[in-house]
N, C-alpha and C. Protein backbone atom coordinates (compact mmCIF):
# COMPACT_ATOMS: atom_id res chain seq x y z
N GLY A 1 0.74 -1.09 -0.04
CA GLY A 1 0.01 -0.06 0.05
C GLY A 1 0.80 1.26 -0.12
N MET A 2 0.22 2.34 -0.17
CA MET A 2 0.80 3.66 -0.27
C MET A 2 0.93 4.21 1.18
N ARG A 3 2.20 4.74 1.47
CA ARG A 3 2.30 5.41 2.82
C ARG A 3 3.19 6.74 2.67
N LYS A 4 2.98 7.75 3.48
CA LYS A 4 3.80 8.82 3.53
C LYS A 4 5.17 8.38 3.66
N PRO A 5 6.15 9.04 3.09
CA PRO A 5 6.08 10.13 2.23
C PRO A 5 6.01 9.78 0.66
N ASP A 6 5.47 8.66 0.47
CA ASP A 6 5.41 8.34 -1.08
C ASP A 6 4.59 9.36 -1.68
N PRO A 7 4.99 10.04 -2.75
CA PRO A 7 4.20 11.01 -3.53
C PRO A 7 2.80 10.62 -4.01
N GLN A 8 2.67 9.41 -4.23
CA GLN A 8 1.46 8.81 -4.68
C GLN A 8 0.35 9.01 -3.76
N ILE A 9 0.58 9.02 -2.38
CA ILE A 9 -0.51 8.99 -1.42
C ILE A 9 -1.05 10.51 -1.49
N PHE A 10 -0.25 11.50 -1.78
CA PHE A 10 -0.71 13.00 -1.68
C PHE A 10 -1.53 13.08 -2.96
N HIS A 11 -1.11 12.55 -4.08
CA HIS A 11 -1.86 12.58 -5.35
C HIS A 11 -3.36 11.85 -5.04
N TYR A 12 -3.29 10.70 -4.41
CA TYR A 12 -4.45 9.99 -4.12
C TYR A 12 -5.36 10.73 -3.27
N ALA A 13 -4.81 11.26 -2.03
CA ALA A 13 -5.79 12.18 -1.28
C ALA A 13 -6.17 13.29 -1.96
N LEU A 14 -5.54 13.89 -2.87
CA LEU A 14 -6.18 15.10 -3.63
C LEU A 14 -7.18 14.65 -4.65
N ALA A 15 -6.99 13.55 -5.16
CA ALA A 15 -7.99 12.98 -6.07
C ALA A 15 -9.26 12.58 -5.32
N GLU A 16 -8.95 11.92 -4.12
CA GLU A 16 -10.30 11.65 -3.39
C GLU A 16 -10.91 12.93 -2.78
N LEU A 17 -10.35 13.88 -2.71
CA LEU A 17 -11.04 15.10 -2.19
C LEU A 17 -11.69 15.95 -3.35
N GLY A 18 -11.76 15.24 -4.61
CA GLY A 18 -12.53 15.85 -5.66
C GLY A 18 -11.55 16.51 -6.59
N GLY A 19 -10.39 16.15 -6.68
CA GLY A 19 -9.42 16.70 -7.58
C GLY A 19 -9.05 17.95 -7.31
N ILE A 20 -8.70 18.24 -6.08
CA ILE A 20 -8.21 19.56 -5.58
C ILE A 20 -6.74 19.70 -6.10
N PRO A 21 -6.35 20.89 -6.64
CA PRO A 21 -4.96 21.03 -7.18
C PRO A 21 -3.93 21.07 -6.03
N PRO A 22 -2.82 20.49 -6.12
CA PRO A 22 -2.02 20.60 -4.90
C PRO A 22 -1.66 21.95 -4.36
N GLU A 23 -1.64 22.88 -5.14
CA GLU A 23 -1.29 24.26 -4.52
C GLU A 23 -2.59 24.92 -3.69
N HIS A 24 -3.69 24.21 -3.75
CA HIS A 24 -4.86 24.70 -2.95
C HIS A 24 -5.03 23.78 -1.73
N ALA A 25 -3.94 22.91 -1.42
CA ALA A 25 -4.08 22.05 -0.27
C ALA A 25 -2.90 22.39 0.67
N VAL A 26 -3.22 22.19 2.00
CA VAL A 26 -2.27 22.30 3.04
C VAL A 26 -2.20 21.07 3.74
N PHE A 27 -0.98 20.66 3.98
CA PHE A 27 -0.54 19.29 4.71
C PHE A 27 0.18 19.70 5.96
N LEU A 28 -0.34 19.19 7.03
CA LEU A 28 0.25 19.51 8.38
C LEU A 28 0.58 17.97 8.94
N ASP A 29 1.95 17.92 9.48
CA ASP A 29 2.55 16.71 10.10
C ASP A 29 3.60 17.03 11.02
N ASP A 30 3.83 16.12 11.92
CA ASP A 30 4.71 16.21 12.96
C ASP A 30 6.15 15.67 12.43
N PHE A 31 6.12 15.35 11.31
CA PHE A 31 7.56 14.70 10.74
C PHE A 31 8.02 15.49 9.50
N GLN A 32 9.19 16.27 9.54
CA GLN A 32 9.49 17.03 8.50
C GLN A 32 9.77 16.36 7.12
N GLY A 33 10.10 15.12 7.13
CA GLY A 33 10.11 14.26 5.89
C GLY A 33 8.81 14.24 5.18
N ASN A 34 7.87 14.11 5.89
CA ASN A 34 6.35 14.04 5.29
C ASN A 34 5.97 15.38 4.72
N VAL A 35 6.33 16.39 5.65
CA VAL A 35 6.02 17.85 5.23
C VAL A 35 6.70 18.15 3.82
N ASP A 36 7.99 17.78 3.79
CA ASP A 36 8.85 18.02 2.51
C ASP A 36 8.29 17.31 1.33
N ALA A 37 7.82 16.06 1.61
CA ALA A 37 7.24 15.26 0.60
C ALA A 37 6.00 15.97 -0.09
N ALA A 38 5.15 16.45 0.76
CA ALA A 38 3.92 17.12 0.21
C ALA A 38 4.28 18.47 -0.35
N ILE A 39 5.30 19.22 0.13
CA ILE A 39 5.89 20.40 -0.70
C ILE A 39 6.30 19.92 -1.94
N ALA A 40 7.00 18.93 -2.03
CA ALA A 40 7.59 18.46 -3.20
C ALA A 40 6.59 18.13 -4.40
N VAL A 41 5.27 17.81 -3.95
CA VAL A 41 4.25 17.69 -5.05
C VAL A 41 3.38 18.78 -5.32
N GLY A 42 3.74 19.88 -4.66
CA GLY A 42 3.12 21.22 -4.72
C GLY A 42 2.27 21.76 -3.80
N MET A 43 2.01 20.86 -2.77
CA MET A 43 1.13 21.35 -1.60
C MET A 43 1.83 22.39 -0.73
N HIS A 44 1.25 23.06 0.09
CA HIS A 44 1.63 23.80 1.15
C HIS A 44 1.98 22.85 2.35
N GLY A 45 2.97 22.99 3.02
CA GLY A 45 3.29 22.12 4.11
C GLY A 45 3.68 22.94 5.38
N ILE A 46 3.19 22.47 6.50
CA ILE A 46 3.46 23.10 7.84
C ILE A 46 3.84 21.96 8.76
N LEU A 47 4.93 22.18 9.35
CA LEU A 47 5.42 21.21 10.44
C LEU A 47 4.97 21.66 11.71
N VAL A 48 4.09 20.56 12.30
CA VAL A 48 3.69 20.79 13.58
C VAL A 48 4.71 20.18 14.68
N GLY A 49 5.15 21.14 15.47
CA GLY A 49 6.21 20.90 16.50
C GLY A 49 5.56 20.90 17.85
N ILE A 50 6.41 20.96 18.85
CA ILE A 50 6.02 21.00 20.18
C ILE A 50 5.07 22.06 20.41
N ASP A 51 5.34 23.43 19.78
CA ASP A 51 4.45 24.50 19.85
C ASP A 51 3.34 24.39 18.87
N ARG A 52 2.23 23.60 19.15
CA ARG A 52 1.19 23.41 18.17
C ARG A 52 0.43 24.70 17.84
N PRO A 53 0.18 25.68 18.85
CA PRO A 53 -0.44 26.86 18.40
C PRO A 53 0.33 27.59 17.38
N ALA A 54 1.61 27.35 17.25
CA ALA A 54 2.34 28.20 16.20
C ALA A 54 2.07 27.66 14.79
N ALA A 55 1.88 26.35 14.77
CA ALA A 55 1.33 25.82 13.58
C ALA A 55 0.06 26.13 13.02
N ILE A 56 -0.84 26.40 14.04
CA ILE A 56 -2.14 26.83 13.72
C ILE A 56 -2.08 28.27 13.16
N ASP A 57 -1.26 28.95 13.95
CA ASP A 57 -1.04 30.29 13.32
C ASP A 57 -0.60 30.43 11.90
N LEU A 58 0.33 29.57 11.58
CA LEU A 58 0.84 29.64 10.22
C LEU A 58 -0.17 29.17 9.22
N LEU A 59 -1.03 28.31 9.75
CA LEU A 59 -2.28 27.85 8.93
C LEU A 59 -3.27 28.96 8.67
N ASP A 60 -3.42 29.76 9.72
CA ASP A 60 -4.44 30.79 9.60
C ASP A 60 -3.77 31.84 8.74
N GLU A 61 -2.51 32.12 8.77
CA GLU A 61 -1.95 33.09 7.94
C GLU A 61 -2.07 32.69 6.39
N LEU A 62 -1.72 31.44 6.22
CA LEU A 62 -1.78 30.95 4.92
C LEU A 62 -3.32 31.04 4.32
N LEU A 63 -4.33 30.60 5.13
CA LEU A 63 -5.66 30.66 4.73
C LEU A 63 -6.08 32.09 4.42
N ALA A 64 -5.64 33.00 5.20
CA ALA A 64 -5.89 34.42 5.06
C ALA A 64 -5.45 34.94 3.95
N ALA A 65 -4.19 34.50 3.50
CA ALA A 65 -3.31 34.99 2.45
C ALA A 65 -4.08 34.58 1.08
N HIS A 66 -4.67 33.43 1.12
CA HIS A 66 -5.35 32.81 -0.21
C HIS A 66 -6.85 32.93 -0.04
N ALA A 67 -7.39 33.72 0.74
CA ALA A 67 -8.84 33.70 0.79
C ALA A 67 -9.34 34.58 -0.30
């Protein structure tokens, strides 16, 4: 089966969500390798570290910038 960080899993997820273009998707994960893989396929990527509110702030900024 497919698993992160295999690029196919990201393409599969985007297709399952109705064919969302990768640049319109945001991927959050606590592992940098998975975030890097999402970025490599064209998605926005946010690393969720110990300071989880900081990751949510980044998400809010990204969403506001693309609203």
